[in-house]
Amino acid sequence: MKKTPSFEDGWKVEIRRGILQYAVLAVVSRHKEDGIHGYGIARELKERTDGLLEVKEGTLYPILHRLRKERLLNVRTEKSDAGPVRKVYVLTGDGDRVYRELTVILDSIHEKLEVLR
């Protein structure tokens, strides 16, 4: 019998999903000049958040696909010395705009939530 997720577990999943999408945009934004490949995104998420936003391929690549479908990311292929070509992700103009707008919104939300503590 499959266990139904608790209210708390459901909240954690929803919050994490939204935060991860924003965090991916943030990481890609940091690499505007050269772009960044999926492994680099995963590594940076893990390292820069002390493991809090560690993601597996099965989580990261659907997010990247969704952001591409929404036209927030572009992808190009790049030769790799270690094997097959790899995809390199860069923000689109809309992706940069959305990332900046979300940053303002999240900063405001964080500020208002701090008042409630």
C-alpha atoms as a PDB file:
ATOM      1  CA  MET A   1       0.000   0.000   0.000  1.00  0.00           C
ATOM      2  CA  LYS A   2       1.425   3.350  -1.059  1.00  0.00           C
ATOM      3  CA  LYS A   3       1.742   5.933   1.690  1.00  0.00           C
ATOM      4  CA  THR A   4       0.045   9.264   1.004  1.00  0.00           C
ATOM      5  CA  PRO A   5       2.478  12.158   1.456  1.00  0.00           C
ATOM      6  CA  SER A   6       1.832  14.300   4.505  1.00  0.00           C
ATOM      7  CA  PHE A   7       0.830  17.929   4.217  1.00  0.00           C
ATOM      8  CA  GLU A   8       4.362  18.884   5.256  1.00  0.00           C
ATOM      9  CA  ASP A   9       5.954  16.630   2.626  1.00  0.00           C
ATOM     10  CA  GLY A  10       3.709  18.096  -0.065  1.00  0.00           C
ATOM     11  CA  TRP A  11       4.715  21.623   0.922  1.00  0.00           C
ATOM     12  CA  LYS A  12       8.404  20.711   0.830  1.00  0.00           C
ATOM     13  CA  VAL A  13       8.040  19.314  -2.688  1.00  0.00           C
ATOM     14  CA  GLU A  14       6.176  22.381  -3.990  1.00  0.00           C
ATOM     15  CA  ILE A  15       8.546  24.891  -2.404  1.00  0.00           C
ATOM     16  CA  ARG A  16      11.606  22.987  -3.611  1.00  0.00           C
ATOM     17  CA  ARG A  17      10.240  22.759  -7.167  1.00  0.00           C
ATOM     18  CA  GLY A  18       9.812  26.515  -7.469  1.00  0.00           C
ATOM     19  CA  ILE A  19      13.093  27.305  -5.762  1.00  0.00           C
ATOM     20  CA  LEU A  20      14.990  24.883  -7.987  1.00  0.00           C
ATOM     21  CA  GLN A  21      13.652  26.501 -11.149  1.00  0.00           C
ATOM     22  CA  TYR A  22      14.726  29.913  -9.869  1.00  0.00           C
ATOM     23  CA  ALA A  23      18.099  28.551  -8.713  1.00  0.00           C
ATOM     24  CA  VAL A  24      18.785  27.043 -12.141  1.00  0.00           C
ATOM     25  CA  LEU A  25      18.088  30.430 -13.745  1.00  0.00           C
ATOM     26  CA  ALA A  26      20.401  32.046 -11.177  1.00  0.00           C
ATOM     27  CA  VAL A  27      23.257  29.650 -11.918  1.00  0.00           C
ATOM     28  CA  VAL A  28      22.871  30.008 -15.682  1.00  0.00           C
ATOM     29  CA  SER A  29      22.753  33.792 -15.237  1.00  0.00           C
ATOM     30  CA  ARG A  30      26.157  33.658 -13.516  1.00  0.00           C
ATOM     31  CA  HIS A  31      27.567  32.161 -16.734  1.00  0.00           C
ATOM     32  CA  LYS A  32      26.215  34.654 -19.273  1.00  0.00           C
ATOM     33  CA  GLU A  33      29.393  34.787 -21.337  1.00  0.00           C
ATOM     34  CA  ASP A  34      30.124  31.097 -21.940  1.00  0.00           C
ATOM     35  CA  GLY A  35      27.004  29.288 -20.745  1.00  0.00           C
ATOM     36  CA  ILE A  36      27.119  26.218 -18.530  1.00  0.00           C
ATOM     37  CA  HIS A  37      26.403  22.537 -19.041  1.00  0.00           C
ATOM     38  CA  GLY A  38      24.013  20.462 -16.953  1.00  0.00           C
ATOM     39  CA  TYR A  39      26.712  18.830 -14.828  1.00  0.00           C
ATOM     40  CA  GLY A  40      28.120  22.279 -14.046  1.00  0.00           C
ATOM     41  CA  ILE A  41      24.686  23.510 -13.002  1.00  0.00           C
ATOM     42  CA  ALA A  42      24.199  20.531 -10.682  1.00  0.00           C
ATOM     43  CA  ARG A  43      27.689  20.922  -9.204  1.00  0.00           C
ATOM     44  CA  GLU A  44      27.247  24.654  -8.612  1.00  0.00           C
ATOM     45  CA  LEU A  45      23.808  24.192  -7.030  1.00  0.00           C
ATOM     46  CA  LYS A  46      25.255  21.677  -4.601  1.00  0.00           C
ATOM     47  CA  GLU A  47      28.451  23.580  -3.790  1.00  0.00           C
ATOM     48  CA  ARG A  48      26.999  27.076  -3.476  1.00  0.00           C
ATOM     49  CA  THR A  49      24.105  25.916  -1.253  1.00  0.00           C
ATOM     50  CA  ASP A  50      26.166  23.577   0.955  1.00  0.00           C
ATOM     51  CA  GLY A  51      24.247  20.604  -0.441  1.00  0.00           C
ATOM     52  CA  LEU A  52      20.779  22.006   0.244  1.00  0.00           C
ATOM     53  CA  LEU A  53      19.921  22.145  -3.467  1.00  0.00           C
ATOM     54  CA  GLU A  54      21.695  18.993  -4.565  1.00  0.00           C
ATOM     55  CA  VAL A  55      19.891  17.632  -7.620  1.00  0.00           C
ATOM     56  CA  LYS A  56      20.035  14.411  -9.540  1.00  0.00           C
ATOM     57  CA  GLU A  57      19.835  14.171 -13.326  1.00  0.00           C
ATOM     58  CA  GLY A  58      16.241  12.956 -13.102  1.00  0.00           C
ATOM     59  CA  THR A  59      15.319  16.240 -11.413  1.00  0.00           C
ATOM     60  CA  LEU A  60      17.600  18.690 -13.215  1.00  0.00           C
ATOM     61  CA  TYR A  61      17.019  17.754 -16.848  1.00  0.00           C
ATOM     62  CA  PRO A  62      13.220  18.019 -16.718  1.00  0.00           C
ATOM     63  CA  ILE A  63      13.670  21.506 -15.215  1.00  0.00           C
ATOM     64  CA  LEU A  64      16.074  22.462 -18.008  1.00  0.00           C
ATOM     65  CA  HIS A  65      13.629  21.080 -20.589  1.00  0.00           C
ATOM     66  CA  ARG A  66      10.735  23.040 -19.044  1.00  0.00           C
ATOM     67  CA  LEU A  67      12.758  26.270 -18.983  1.00  0.00           C
ATOM     68  CA  ARG A  68      13.712  25.739 -22.640  1.00  0.00           C
ATOM     69  CA  LYS A  69      10.088  25.078 -23.550  1.00  0.00           C
ATOM     70  CA  GLU A  70       9.142  28.347 -21.820  1.00  0.00           C
ATOM     71  CA  ARG A  71      11.868  30.052 -23.905  1.00  0.00           C
ATOM     72  CA  LEU A  72      13.828  31.128 -20.840  1.00  0.00           C
ATOM     73  CA  LEU A  73      16.901  29.103 -21.827  1.00  0.00           C
ATOM     74  CA  ASN A  74      18.675  28.431 -25.090  1.00  0.00           C
ATOM     75  CA  VAL A  75      20.961  25.479 -25.646  1.00  0.00           C
ATOM     76  CA  ARG A  76      23.921  24.948 -27.909  1.00  0.00           C
ATOM     77  CA  THR A  77      26.166  21.947 -28.339  1.00  0.00           C
ATOM     78  CA  GLU A  78      29.849  21.992 -27.569  1.00  0.00           C
ATOM     79  CA  LYS A  79      32.558  19.454 -28.282  1.00  0.00           C
ATOM     80  CA  SER A  80      33.916  17.656 -25.256  1.00  0.00           C
ATOM     81  CA  ASP A  81      37.419  16.220 -24.929  1.00  0.00           C
ATOM     82  CA  ALA A  82      36.010  13.537 -22.654  1.00  0.00           C
ATOM     83  CA  GLY A  83      33.339  12.116 -24.958  1.00  0.00           C
ATOM     84  CA  PRO A  84      30.183  13.101 -26.800  1.00  0.00           C
ATOM     85  CA  VAL A  85      29.089  16.686 -27.391  1.00  0.00           C
ATOM     86  CA  ARG A  86      27.447  18.319 -24.439  1.00  0.00           C
ATOM     87  CA  LYS A  87      24.639  20.811 -24.176  1.00  0.00           C
ATOM     88  CA  VAL A  88      25.503  24.267 -22.905  1.00  0.00           C
ATOM     89  CA  TYR A  89      22.695  26.405 -21.485  1.00  0.00           C
ATOM     90  CA  VAL A  90      22.394  30.201 -21.687  1.00  0.00           C
ATOM     91  CA  LEU A  91      19.619  32.575 -20.681  1.00  0.00           C
ATOM     92  CA  THR A  92      17.469  34.083 -23.394  1.00  0.00           C
ATOM     93  CA  GLY A  93      16.482  37.743 -23.192  1.00  0.00           C
ATOM     94  CA  ASP A  94      13.176  36.652 -21.638  1.00  0.00           C
ATOM     95  CA  GLY A  95      15.058  34.336 -19.279  1.00  0.00           C
ATOM     96  CA  ASP A  96      17.199  37.210 -18.041  1.00  0.00           C
ATOM     97  CA  ARG A  97      14.132  39.422 -17.595  1.00  0.00           C
ATOM     98  CA  VAL A  98      12.207  36.716 -15.729  1.00  0.00           C
ATOM     99  CA  TYR A  99      15.218  35.938 -13.530  1.00  0.00           C
ATOM    100  CA  ARG A 100      15.600  39.615 -12.567  1.00  0.00           C
ATOM    101  CA  GLU A 101      11.845  39.978 -11.888  1.00  0.00           C
ATOM    102  CA  LEU A 102      11.791  36.823  -9.765  1.00  0.00           C
ATOM    103  CA  THR A 103      14.805  38.066  -7.810  1.00  0.00           C
ATOM    104  CA  VAL A 104      12.934  41.243  -6.859  1.00  0.00           C
ATOM    105  CA  ILE A 105       9.833  39.263  -5.910  1.00  0.00           C
ATOM    106  CA  LEU A 106      11.763  36.715  -3.838  1.00  0.00           C
ATOM    107  CA  ASP A 107      13.729  39.445  -2.049  1.00  0.00           C
ATOM    108  CA  SER A 108      10.454  41.144  -1.172  1.00  0.00           C
ATOM    109  CA  ILE A 109       8.869  37.897   0.022  1.00  0.00           C
ATOM    110  CA  HIS A 110      11.917  37.095   2.156  1.00  0.00           C
ATOM    111  CA  GLU A 111      11.845  40.577   3.694  1.00  0.00           C
ATOM    112  CA  LYS A 112       8.125  40.322   4.529  1.00  0.00           C
ATOM    113  CA  LEU A 113       8.457  36.801   5.945  1.00  0.00           C
ATOM    114  CA  GLU A 114      11.268  37.942   8.231  1.00  0.00           C
ATOM    115  CA  VAL A 115       8.834  40.476   9.758  1.00  0.00           C
ATOM    116  CA  LEU A 116       6.476  37.605  10.619  1.00  0.00           C
ATOM    117  CA  ARG A 117       9.055  35.627  12.595  1.00  0.00           C
END
